PDB file of all heavy atoms in Angstrom:
ATOM      1  N   LEU A   1      81.948  94.404 106.759  1.00  0.00           N
ATOM      2  CA  LEU A   1      83.392  94.448 106.962  1.00  0.00           C
ATOM      3  C   LEU A   1      83.712  95.656 107.830  1.00  0.00           C
ATOM      4  O   LEU A   1      83.483  96.791 107.438  1.00  0.00           O
ATOM      5  CB  LEU A   1      84.110  94.564 105.605  1.00  0.00           C
ATOM      6  CG  LEU A   1      85.634  94.667 105.631  1.00  0.00           C
ATOM      7  CD1 LEU A   1      86.257  93.309 105.952  1.00  0.00           C
ATOM      8  CD2 LEU A   1      86.143  95.178 104.283  1.00  0.00           C
ATOM      9  N   GLY A   2      84.225  95.392 109.023  1.00  0.00           N
ATOM     10  CA  GLY A   2      84.561  96.490 109.931  1.00  0.00           C
ATOM     11  C   GLY A   2      85.900  97.121 109.597  1.00  0.00           C
ATOM     12  O   GLY A   2      86.676  96.612 108.787  1.00  0.00           O
ATOM     13  N   ALA A   3      86.179  98.251 110.236  1.00  0.00           N
ATOM     14  CA  ALA A   3      87.429  98.976 109.983  1.00  0.00           C
ATOM     15  C   ALA A   3      88.635  98.116 110.346  1.00  0.00           C
ATOM     16  O   ALA A   3      89.636  98.081 109.624  1.00  0.00           O
ATOM     17  CB  ALA A   3      87.444 100.280 110.774  1.00  0.00           C
ATOM     18  N   VAL A   4      88.541  97.409 111.468  1.00  0.00           N
ATOM     19  CA  VAL A   4      89.651  96.524 111.876  1.00  0.00           C
ATOM     20  C   VAL A   4      89.816  95.401 110.875  1.00  0.00           C
ATOM     21  O   VAL A   4      90.937  95.021 110.508  1.00  0.00           O
ATOM     22  CB  VAL A   4      89.390  95.954 113.288  1.00  0.00           C
ATOM     23  CG1 VAL A   4      90.460  94.934 113.664  1.00  0.00           C
ATOM     24  CG2 VAL A   4      89.361  97.101 114.307  1.00  0.00           C
ATOM     25  N   ASP A   5      88.698  94.829 110.385  1.00  0.00           N
ATOM     26  CA  ASP A   5      88.759  93.759 109.392  1.00  0.00           C
ATOM     27  C   ASP A   5      89.384  94.255 108.094  1.00  0.00           C
ATOM     28  O   ASP A   5      90.087  93.499 107.401  1.00  0.00           O
ATOM     29  CB  ASP A   5      87.359  93.204 109.129  1.00  0.00           C
ATOM     30  CG  ASP A   5      86.761  92.527 110.345  1.00  0.00           C
ATOM     31  OD1 ASP A   5      87.511  91.803 111.029  1.00  0.00           O
ATOM     32  OD2 ASP A   5      85.560  92.734 110.616  1.00  0.00           O
ATOM     33  N   LEU A   6      89.116  95.528 107.742  1.00  0.00           N
ATOM     34  CA  LEU A   6      89.707  96.088 106.532  1.00  0.00           C
ATOM     35  C   LEU A   6      91.241  96.166 106.662  1.00  0.00           C
ATOM     36  O   LEU A   6      91.965  95.868 105.720  1.00  0.00           O
ATOM     37  CB  LEU A   6      89.142  97.483 106.245  1.00  0.00           C
ATOM     38  CG  LEU A   6      89.754  98.219 105.050  1.00  0.00           C
ATOM     39  CD1 LEU A   6      89.508  97.431 103.762  1.00  0.00           C
ATOM     40  CD2 LEU A   6      89.160  99.625 104.929  1.00  0.00           C
ATOM     41  N   LEU A   7      91.715  96.563 107.832  1.00  0.00           N
ATOM     42  CA  LEU A   7      93.161  96.620 108.049  1.00  0.00           C
ATOM     43  C   LEU A   7      93.765  95.215 107.956  1.00  0.00           C
ATOM     44  O   LEU A   7      94.859  95.045 107.391  1.00  0.00           O
ATOM     45  CB  LEU A   7      93.453  97.240 109.415  1.00  0.00           C
ATOM     46  CG  LEU A   7      93.090  98.725 109.570  1.00  0.00           C
ATOM     47  CD1 LEU A   7      93.336  99.170 111.017  1.00  0.00           C
ATOM     48  CD2 LEU A   7      93.897  99.597 108.604  1.00  0.00           C
ATOM     49  N   LYS A   8      93.064  94.220 108.489  1.00  0.00           N
ATOM     50  CA  LYS A   8      93.538  92.844 108.373  1.00  0.00           C
ATOM     51  C   LYS A   8      93.575  92.411 106.909  1.00  0.00           C
ATOM     52  O   LYS A   8      94.497  91.726 106.476  1.00  0.00           O
ATOM     53  CB  LYS A   8      92.633  91.916 109.175  1.00  0.00           C
ATOM     54  CG  LYS A   8      92.760  92.079 110.687  1.00  0.00           C
ATOM     55  CD  LYS A   8      91.838  91.115 111.410  1.00  0.00           C
ATOM     56  CE  LYS A   8      91.935  91.261 112.930  1.00  0.00           C
ATOM     57  NZ  LYS A   8      91.018  90.331 113.646  1.00  0.00           N
ATOM     58  N   LEU A   9      92.550  92.815 106.158  1.00  0.00           N
ATOM     59  CA  LEU A   9      92.490  92.481 104.732  1.00  0.00           C
ATOM     60  C   LEU A   9      93.735  93.015 104.017  1.00  0.00           C
ATOM     61  O   LEU A   9      94.389  92.305 103.246  1.00  0.00           O
ATOM     62  CB  LEU A   9      91.220  93.041 104.104  1.00  0.00           C
ATOM     63  CG  LEU A   9      90.929  92.779 102.628  1.00  0.00           C
ATOM     64  CD1 LEU A   9      89.428  92.959 102.359  1.00  0.00           C
ATOM     65  CD2 LEU A   9      91.698  93.709 101.695  1.00  0.00           C
ATOM     66  N   LEU A  10      94.048  94.269 104.266  1.00  0.00           N
ATOM     67  CA  LEU A  10      95.192  94.889 103.577  1.00  0.00           C
ATOM     68  C   LEU A  10      96.497  94.174 103.904  1.00  0.00           C
ATOM     69  O   LEU A  10      97.400  94.076 103.062  1.00  0.00           O
ATOM     70  CB  LEU A  10      95.286  96.363 103.973  1.00  0.00           C
ATOM     71  CG  LEU A  10      94.111  97.252 103.522  1.00  0.00           C
ATOM     72  CD1 LEU A  10      94.254  98.662 104.074  1.00  0.00           C
ATOM     73  CD2 LEU A  10      94.012  97.283 102.001  1.00  0.00           C
ATOM     74  N   SER A  11      96.593  93.637 105.119  1.00  0.00           N
ATOM     75  CA  SER A  11      97.816  92.950 105.517  1.00  0.00           C
ATOM     76  C   SER A  11      97.958  91.585 104.866  1.00  0.00           C
ATOM     77  O   SER A  11      99.050  90.987 104.882  1.00  0.00           O
ATOM     78  CB  SER A  11      97.869  92.797 107.036  1.00  0.00           C
ATOM     79  OG  SER A  11      96.885  91.881 107.496  1.00  0.00           O
ATOM     80  N   THR A  12      96.859  91.060 104.288  1.00  0.00           N
ATOM     81  CA  THR A  12      96.917  89.724 103.671  1.00  0.00           C
ATOM     82  C   THR A  12      97.121  89.775 102.158  1.00  0.00           C
ATOM     83  O   THR A  12      97.236  88.710 101.537  1.00  0.00           O
ATOM     84  CB  THR A  12      95.613  88.963 103.949  1.00  0.00           C
ATOM     85  OG1 THR A  12      94.511  89.608 103.269  1.00  0.00           O
ATOM     86  CG2 THR A  12      95.312  88.889 105.442  1.00  0.00           C
ATOM     87  N   VAL A  13      97.179  90.950 101.572  1.00  0.00           N
ATOM     88  CA  VAL A  13      97.323  91.065 100.123  1.00  0.00           C
ATOM     89  C   VAL A  13      98.679  90.495  99.699  1.00  0.00           C
ATOM     90  O   VAL A  13      99.734  90.926 100.185  1.00  0.00           O
ATOM     91  CB  VAL A  13      97.189  92.514  99.652  1.00  0.00           C
ATOM     92  CG1 VAL A  13      97.499  92.623  98.158  1.00  0.00           C
ATOM     93  CG2 VAL A  13      95.787  93.035  99.944  1.00  0.00           C
ATOM     94  N   THR A  14      98.661  89.516  98.808  1.00  0.00           N
ATOM     95  CA  THR A  14      99.897  88.939  98.264  1.00  0.00           C
ATOM     96  C   THR A  14      99.795  88.845  96.759  1.00  0.00           C
ATOM     97  O   THR A  14      98.697  88.683  96.204  1.00  0.00           O
ATOM     98  CB  THR A  14     100.168  87.544  98.843  1.00  0.00           C
ATOM     99  OG1 THR A  14      99.031  86.689  98.583  1.00  0.00           O
ATOM    100  CG2 THR A  14     100.409  87.586 100.338  1.00  0.00           C
ATOM    101  N   VAL A  15     100.917  88.959  96.102  1.00  0.00           N
ATOM    102  CA  VAL A  15     100.986  88.825  94.651  1.00  0.00           C
ATOM    103  C   VAL A  15     101.440  87.410  94.329  1.00  0.00           C
ATOM    104  O   VAL A  15     102.437  86.915  94.893  1.00  0.00           O
ATOM    105  CB  VAL A  15     101.938  89.861  94.045  1.00  0.00           C
ATOM    106  CG1 VAL A  15     102.069  89.653  92.528  1.00  0.00           C
ATOM    107  CG2 VAL A  15     101.434  91.263  94.345  1.00  0.00           C
ATOM    108  N   THR A  16     100.742  86.731  93.439  1.00  0.00           N
ATOM    109  CA  THR A  16     101.075  85.372  93.062  1.00  0.00           C
ATOM    110  C   THR A  16     101.824  85.345  91.733  1.00  0.00           C
ATOM    111  O   THR A  16     101.574  86.166  90.852  1.00  0.00           O
ATOM    112  CB  THR A  16      99.810  84.507  92.941  1.00  0.00           C
ATOM    113  OG1 THR A  16      98.921  85.076  91.975  1.00  0.00           O
ATOM    114  CG2 THR A  16      99.092  84.427  94.280  1.00  0.00           C
ATOM    115  N   LYS A  17     102.750  84.401  91.634  1.00  0.00           N
ATOM    116  CA  LYS A  17     103.518  84.169  90.402  1.00  0.00           C
ATOM    117  C   LYS A  17     104.346  85.372  89.981  1.00  0.00           C
ATOM    118  O   LYS A  17     104.596  85.577  88.796  1.00  0.00           O
ATOM    119  CB  LYS A  17     102.596  83.748  89.241  1.00  0.00           C
ATOM    120  CG  LYS A  17     101.746  82.519  89.533  1.00  0.00           C
ATOM    121  CD  LYS A  17     100.827  82.212  88.371  1.00  0.00           C
ATOM    122  CE  LYS A  17      99.890  81.077  88.698  1.00  0.00           C
ATOM    123  NZ  LYS A  17      98.932  80.806  87.607  1.00  0.00           N
ATOM    124  N   ALA A  18     104.737  86.194  90.935  1.00  0.00           N
ATOM    125  CA  ALA A  18     105.531  87.379  90.605  1.00  0.00           C
ATOM    126  C   ALA A  18     106.987  87.017  90.409  1.00  0.00           C
ATOM    127  O   ALA A  18     107.529  86.198  91.146  1.00  0.00           O
ATOM    128  CB  ALA A  18     105.390  88.427  91.696  1.00  0.00           C
ATOM    129  N   ASP A  19     107.618  87.597  89.435  1.00  0.00           N
ATOM    130  CA  ASP A  19     109.027  87.377  89.174  1.00  0.00           C
ATOM    131  C   ASP A  19     109.811  88.621  89.608  1.00  0.00           C
ATOM    132  O   ASP A  19     110.193  89.460  88.786  1.00  0.00           O
ATOM    133  CB  ASP A  19     109.257  87.087  87.686  1.00  0.00           C
ATOM    134  CG  ASP A  19     110.711  86.734  87.384  1.00  0.00           C
ATOM    135  OD1 ASP A  19     111.441  86.419  88.342  1.00  0.00           O
ATOM    136  OD2 ASP A  19     111.098  86.788  86.200  1.00  0.00           O
ATOM    137  N   GLY A  20     109.992  88.752  90.902  1.00  0.00           N
ATOM    138  CA  GLY A  20     110.757  89.886  91.414  1.00  0.00           C
ATOM    139  C   GLY A  20     109.894  90.968  91.997  1.00  0.00           C
ATOM    140  O   GLY A  20     108.663  91.003  91.853  1.00  0.00           O
ATOM    141  N   PHE A  21     110.548  91.916  92.675  1.00  0.00           N
ATOM    142  CA  PHE A  21     109.855  92.981  93.394  1.00  0.00           C
ATOM    143  C   PHE A  21     109.099  93.910  92.454  1.00  0.00           C
ATOM    144  O   PHE A  21     107.967  94.303  92.741  1.00  0.00           O
ATOM    145  CB  PHE A  21     110.890  93.786  94.201  1.00  0.00           C
ATOM    146  CG  PHE A  21     110.286  94.940  94.958  1.00  0.00           C
ATOM    147  CD1 PHE A  21     109.539  94.725  96.104  1.00  0.00           C
ATOM    148  CD2 PHE A  21     110.462  96.249  94.515  1.00  0.00           C
ATOM    149  CE1 PHE A  21     108.984  95.787  96.806  1.00  0.00           C
ATOM    150  CE2 PHE A  21     109.912  97.312  95.210  1.00  0.00           C
ATOM    151  CZ  PHE A  21     109.169  97.089  96.350  1.00  0.00           C
ATOM    152  N   SER A  22     109.696  94.257  91.331  1.00  0.00           N
ATOM    153  CA  SER A  22     109.038  95.196  90.411  1.00  0.00           C
ATOM    154  C   SER A  22     107.749  94.612  89.863  1.00  0.00           C
ATOM    155  O   SER A  22     106.763  95.327  89.660  1.00  0.00           O
ATOM    156  CB  SER A  22     109.975  95.544  89.255  1.00  0.00           C
ATOM    157  OG  SER A  22     110.311  94.390  88.498  1.00  0.00           O
ATOM    158  N   SER A  23     107.736  93.296  89.649  1.00  0.00           N
ATOM    159  CA  SER A  23     106.520  92.647  89.157  1.00  0.00           C
ATOM    160  C   SER A  23     105.415  92.728  90.198  1.00  0.00           C
ATOM    161  O   SER A  23     104.240  92.958  89.861  1.00  0.00           O
ATOM    162  CB  SER A  23     106.818  91.185  88.821  1.00  0.00           C
ATOM    163  OG  SER A  23     105.650  90.517  88.401  1.00  0.00           O
ATOM    164  N   LYS A  24     105.775  92.578  91.479  1.00  0.00           N
ATOM    165  CA  LYS A  24     104.781  92.686  92.546  1.00  0.00           C
ATOM    166  C   LYS A  24     104.193  94.082  92.604  1.00  0.00           C
ATOM    167  O   LYS A  24     102.981  94.267  92.732  1.00  0.00           O
ATOM    168  CB  LYS A  24     105.424  92.325  93.888  1.00  0.00           C
ATOM    169  CG  LYS A  24     105.806  90.871  94.031  1.00  0.00           C
ATOM    170  CD  LYS A  24     106.376  90.611  95.433  1.00  0.00           C
ATOM    171  CE  LYS A  24     106.723  89.139  95.597  1.00  0.00           C
ATOM    172  NZ  LYS A  24     107.270  88.830  96.934  1.00  0.00           N
ATOM    173  N   VAL A  25     105.069  95.075  92.495  1.00  0.00           N
ATOM    174  CA  VAL A  25     104.620  96.473  92.561  1.00  0.00           C
ATOM    175  C   VAL A  25     103.657  96.779  91.394  1.00  0.00           C
ATOM    176  O   VAL A  25     102.611  97.405  91.576  1.00  0.00           O
ATOM    177  CB  VAL A  25     105.819  97.425  92.539  1.00  0.00           C
ATOM    178  CG1 VAL A  25     105.342  98.879  92.397  1.00  0.00           C
ATOM    179  CG2 VAL A  25     106.652  97.274  93.806  1.00  0.00           C
ATOM    180  N   LYS A  26     104.000  96.331  90.194  1.00  0.00           N
ATOM    181  CA  LYS A  26     103.160  96.578  89.043  1.00  0.00           C
ATOM    182  C   LYS A  26     101.778  95.931  89.197  1.00  0.00           C
ATOM    183  O   LYS A  26     100.758  96.529  88.839  1.00  0.00           O
ATOM    184  CB  LYS A  26     103.840  96.049  87.759  1.00  0.00           C
ATOM    185  CG  LYS A  26     105.042  96.860  87.321  1.00  0.00           C
ATOM    186  CD  LYS A  26     105.666  96.260  86.070  1.00  0.00           C
ATOM    187  CE  LYS A  26     106.883  97.066  85.622  1.00  0.00           C
ATOM    188  NZ  LYS A  26     107.528  96.474  84.418  1.00  0.00           N
ATOM    189  N   THR A  27     101.756  94.728  89.739  1.00  0.00           N
ATOM    190  CA  THR A  27     100.486  94.025  89.921  1.00  0.00           C
ATOM    191  C   THR A  27      99.593  94.728  90.933  1.00  0.00           C
ATOM    192  O   THR A  27      98.396  94.916  90.710  1.00  0.00           O
ATOM    193  CB  THR A  27     100.753  92.579  90.360  1.00  0.00           C
ATOM    194  OG1 THR A  27     101.566  91.926  89.388  1.00  0.00           O
ATOM    195  CG2 THR A  27      99.442  91.808  90.517  1.00  0.00           C
ATOM    196  N   ILE A  28     100.171  95.103  92.064  1.00  0.00           N
ATOM    197  CA  ILE A  28      99.397  95.821  93.083  1.00  0.00           C
ATOM    198  C   ILE A  28      98.909  97.161  92.558  1.00  0.00           C
ATOM    199  O   ILE A  28      97.752  97.549  92.777  1.00  0.00           O
ATOM    200  CB  ILE A  28     100.240  96.001  94.368  1.00  0.00           C
ATOM    201  CG1 ILE A  28     100.482  94.647  95.029  1.00  0.00           C
ATOM    202  CG2 ILE A  28      99.544  96.951  95.336  1.00  0.00           C
ATOM    203  CD1 ILE A  28     101.387  94.689  96.227  1.00  0.00           C
ATOM    204  N   ASN A  29      99.771  97.857  91.827  1.00  0.00           N
ATOM    205  CA  ASN A  29      99.368  99.139  91.243  1.00  0.00           C
ATOM    206  C   ASN A  29      98.242  98.956  90.227  1.00  0.00           C
ATOM    207  O   ASN A  29      97.317  99.794  90.161  1.00  0.00           O
ATOM    208  CB  ASN A  29     100.558  99.812  90.569  1.00  0.00           C
ATOM    209  CG  ASN A  29     101.545 100.395  91.565  1.00  0.00           C
ATOM    210  OD1 ASN A  29     101.213 100.563  92.743  1.00  0.00           O
ATOM    211  ND2 ASN A  29     102.748 100.702  91.110  1.00  0.00           N
ATOM    212  N   ALA A  30      98.287  97.872  89.450  1.00  0.00           N
ATOM    213  CA  ALA A  30      97.236  97.611  88.471  1.00  0.00           C
ATOM    214  C   ALA A  30      95.892  97.391  89.167  1.00  0.00           C
ATOM    215  O   ALA A  30      94.854  97.911  88.733  1.00  0.00           O
ATOM    216  CB  ALA A  30      97.594  96.414  87.610  1.00  0.00           C
ATOM    217  N   PHE A  31      95.914  96.640  90.257  1.00  0.00           N
ATOM    218  CA  PHE A  31      94.672  96.348  90.977  1.00  0.00           C
ATOM    219  C   PHE A  31      94.119  97.588  91.667  1.00  0.00           C
ATOM    220  O   PHE A  31      92.923  97.907  91.542  1.00  0.00           O
ATOM    221  CB  PHE A  31      94.890  95.240  92.003  1.00  0.00           C
ATOM    222  CG  PHE A  31      93.653  94.889  92.788  1.00  0.00           C
ATOM    223  CD1 PHE A  31      92.639  94.158  92.199  1.00  0.00           C
ATOM    224  CD2 PHE A  31      93.500  95.321  94.095  1.00  0.00           C
ATOM    225  CE1 PHE A  31      91.490  93.834  92.922  1.00  0.00           C
ATOM    226  CE2 PHE A  31      92.360  95.017  94.819  1.00  0.00           C
ATOM    227  CZ  PHE A  31      91.354  94.266  94.221  1.00  0.00           C
ATOM    228  N   THR A  32      94.981  98.292  92.390  1.00  0.00           N
ATOM    229  CA  THR A  32      94.509  99.484  93.104  1.00  0.00           C
ATOM    230  C   THR A  32      94.048 100.565  92.124  1.00  0.00           C
ATOM    231  O   THR A  32      93.090 101.286  92.397  1.00  0.00           O
ATOM    232  CB  THR A  32      95.611 100.044  94.016  1.00  0.00           C
ATOM    233  OG1 THR A  32      96.805 100.277  93.260  1.00  0.00           O
ATOM    234  CG2 THR A  32      95.934  99.062  95.124  1.00  0.00           C
ATOM    235  N   GLY A  33      94.727 100.663  90.985  1.00  0.00           N
ATOM    236  CA  GLY A  33      94.317 101.627  89.968  1.00  0.00           C
ATOM    237  C   GLY A  33      92.948 101.294  89.407  1.00  0.00           C
ATOM    238  O   GLY A  33      92.090 102.184  89.253  1.00  0.00           O
ATOM    239  N   PHE A  34      92.725  99.997  89.112  1.00  0.00           N
ATOM    240  CA  PHE A  34      91.414  99.561  88.624  1.00  0.00           C
ATOM    241  C   PHE A  34      90.334  99.841  89.661  1.00  0.00           C
ATOM    242  O   PHE A  34      89.259 100.378  89.336  1.00  0.00           O
ATOM    243  CB  PHE A  34      91.466  98.066  88.295  1.00  0.00           C
ATOM    244  CG  PHE A  34      90.116  97.420  88.179  1.00  0.00           C
ATOM    245  CD1 PHE A  34      89.312  97.642  87.072  1.00  0.00           C
ATOM    246  CD2 PHE A  34      89.629  96.605  89.197  1.00  0.00           C
ATOM    247  CE1 PHE A  34      88.051  97.042  86.972  1.00  0.00           C
ATOM    248  CE2 PHE A  34      88.389  96.008  89.107  1.00  0.00           C
ATOM    249  CZ  PHE A  34      87.609  96.230  87.992  1.00  0.00           C
ATOM    250  N   PHE A  35      90.597  99.492  90.929  1.00  0.00           N
ATOM    251  CA  PHE A  35      89.612  99.676  91.987  1.00  0.00           C
ATOM    252  C   PHE A  35      89.289 101.165  92.151  1.00  0.00           C
ATOM    253  O   PHE A  35      88.114 101.547  92.265  1.00  0.00           O
ATOM    254  CB  PHE A  35      90.185  99.110  93.296  1.00  0.00           C
ATOM    255  CG  PHE A  35      89.148  98.896  94.366  1.00  0.00           C
ATOM    256  CD1 PHE A  35      88.414  97.730  94.410  1.00  0.00           C
ATOM    257  CD2 PHE A  35      88.907  99.861  95.322  1.00  0.00           C
ATOM    258  CE1 PHE A  35      87.459  97.526  95.389  1.00  0.00           C
ATOM    259  CE2 PHE A  35      87.952  99.671  96.320  1.00  0.00           C
ATOM    260  CZ  PHE A  35      87.218  98.492  96.343  1.00  0.00           C
ATOM    261  N   ALA A  36      90.314 102.005  92.137  1.00  0.00           N
ATOM    262  CA  ALA A  36      90.101 103.441  92.325  1.00  0.00           C
ATOM    263  C   ALA A  36      89.307 104.042  91.172  1.00  0.00           C
ATOM    264  O   ALA A  36      88.433 104.899  91.376  1.00  0.00           O
ATOM    265  CB  ALA A  36      91.453 104.154  92.462  1.00  0.00           C
ATOM    266  N   ARG A  37      89.574 103.580  89.945  1.00  0.00           N
ATOM    267  CA  ARG A  37      88.842 104.109  88.789  1.00  0.00           C
ATOM    268  C   ARG A  37      87.365 103.750  88.878  1.00  0.00           C
ATOM    269  O   ARG A  37      86.496 104.565  88.526  1.00  0.00           O
ATOM    270  CB  ARG A  37      89.442 103.557  87.492  1.00  0.00           C
ATOM    271  CG  ARG A  37      90.792 104.143  87.125  1.00  0.00           C
ATOM    272  CD  ARG A  37      91.191 103.795  85.700  1.00  0.00           C
ATOM    273  NE  ARG A  37      91.285 102.360  85.481  1.00  0.00           N
ATOM    274  CZ  ARG A  37      92.382 101.630  85.695  1.00  0.00           C
ATOM    275  NH1 ARG A  37      93.483 102.241  86.186  1.00  0.00           N
ATOM    276  NH2 ARG A  37      92.408 100.349  85.466  1.00  0.00           N
ATOM    277  N   GLN A  38      87.081 102.537  89.335  1.00  0.00           N
ATOM    278  CA  GLN A  38      85.680 102.131  89.454  1.00  0.00           C
ATOM    279  C   GLN A  38      84.949 102.966  90.510  1.00  0.00           C
ATOM    280  O   GLN A  38      83.802 103.400  90.315  1.00  0.00           O
ATOM    281  CB  GLN A  38      85.610 100.644  89.806  1.00  0.00           C
ATOM    282  CG  GLN A  38      86.155  99.717  88.743  1.00  0.00           C
ATOM    283  CD  GLN A  38      85.364  99.795  87.439  1.00  0.00           C
ATOM    284  OE1 GLN A  38      84.146  99.824  87.431  1.00  0.00           O
ATOM    285  NE2 GLN A  38      86.083  99.847  86.328  1.00  0.00           N
ATOM    286  N   LEU A  39      85.625 103.209  91.639  1.00  0.00           N
ATOM    287  CA  LEU A  39      85.003 104.027  92.675  1.00  0.00           C
ATOM    288  C   LEU A  39      84.821 105.467  92.220  1.00  0.00           C
ATOM    289  O   LEU A  39      83.808 106.106  92.506  1.00  0.00           O
ATOM    290  CB  LEU A  39      85.856 103.984  93.947  1.00  0.00           C
ATOM    291  CG  LEU A  39      85.955 102.632  94.675  1.00  0.00           C
ATOM    292  CD1 LEU A  39      86.828 102.758  95.909  1.00  0.00           C
ATOM    293  CD2 LEU A  39      84.577 102.109  95.060  1.00  0.00           C
ATOM    294  N   TRP A  40      85.802 105.994  91.525  1.00  0.00           N
ATOM    295  CA  TRP A  40      85.706 107.358  91.001  1.00  0.00           C
ATOM    296  C   TRP A  40      84.524 107.490  90.058  1.00  0.00           C
ATOM    297  O   TRP A  40      83.744 108.453  90.134  1.00  0.00           O
ATOM    298  CB  TRP A  40      87.005 107.735  90.308  1.00  0.00           C
ATOM    299  CG  TRP A  40      86.998 109.129  89.735  1.00  0.00           C
ATOM    300  CD1 TRP A  40      86.575 109.538  88.508  1.00  0.00           C
ATOM    301  CD2 TRP A  40      87.433 110.320  90.412  1.00  0.00           C
ATOM    302  NE1 TRP A  40      86.713 110.882  88.346  1.00  0.00           N
ATOM    303  CE2 TRP A  40      87.240 111.397  89.496  1.00  0.00           C
ATOM    304  CE3 TRP A  40      87.959 110.595  91.661  1.00  0.00           C
ATOM    305  CZ2 TRP A  40      87.550 112.720  89.817  1.00  0.00           C
ATOM    306  CZ3 TRP A  40      88.277 111.902  91.979  1.00  0.00           C
ATOM    307  CH2 TRP A  40      88.072 112.952  91.073  1.00  0.00           C
ATOM    308  N   ALA A  41      84.378 106.494  89.152  1.00  0.00           N
ATOM    309  CA  ALA A  41      83.275 106.544  88.184  1.00  0.00           C
ATOM    310  C   ALA A  41      81.928 106.436  88.879  1.00  0.00           C
ATOM    311  O   ALA A  41      80.922 107.020  88.436  1.00  0.00           O
ATOM    312  CB  ALA A  41      83.420 105.423  87.164  1.00  0.00           C
ATOM    313  N   THR A  42      81.877 105.700  89.985  1.00  0.00           N
ATOM    314  CA  THR A  42      80.606 105.468  90.668  1.00  0.00           C
ATOM    315  C   THR A  42      80.207 106.632  91.576  1.00  0.00           C
ATOM    316  O   THR A  42      79.041 107.048  91.590  1.00  0.00           O
ATOM    317  CB  THR A  42      80.689 104.184  91.527  1.00  0.00           C
ATOM    318  OG1 THR A  42      81.014 103.079  90.676  1.00  0.00           O
ATOM    319  CG2 THR A  42      79.353 103.902  92.223  1.00  0.00           C
ATOM    320  N   TYR A  43      81.163 107.183  92.308  1.00  0.00           N
ATOM    321  CA  TYR A  43      80.801 108.144  93.358  1.00  0.00           C
ATOM    322  C   TYR A  43      81.243 109.590  93.093  1.00  0.00           C
ATOM    323  O   TYR A  43      80.802 110.493  93.811  1.00  0.00           O
ATOM    324  CB  TYR A  43      81.409 107.691  94.685  1.00  0.00           C
ATOM    325  CG  TYR A  43      80.864 106.376  95.180  1.00  0.00           C
ATOM    326  CD1 TYR A  43      81.633 105.225  95.166  1.00  0.00           C
ATOM    327  CD2 TYR A  43      79.557 106.284  95.660  1.00  0.00           C
ATOM    328  CE1 TYR A  43      81.135 104.005  95.621  1.00  0.00           C
ATOM    329  CE2 TYR A  43      79.044 105.071  96.106  1.00  0.00           C
ATOM    330  CZ  TYR A  43      79.842 103.945  96.079  1.00  0.00           C
ATOM    331  OH  TYR A  43      79.327 102.756  96.521  1.00  0.00           O
TER     332      TYR A  43
END
């Protein structure tokens, strides 16, 4: 995955079945928080 492809990936992130803006924010925060914790624990 190249740097340009990573930027494209980030632009495609969508939240499914969200009921309003706050629900979308919570879902994205939950995913990024999980991902960051895993990277922190690993590296």
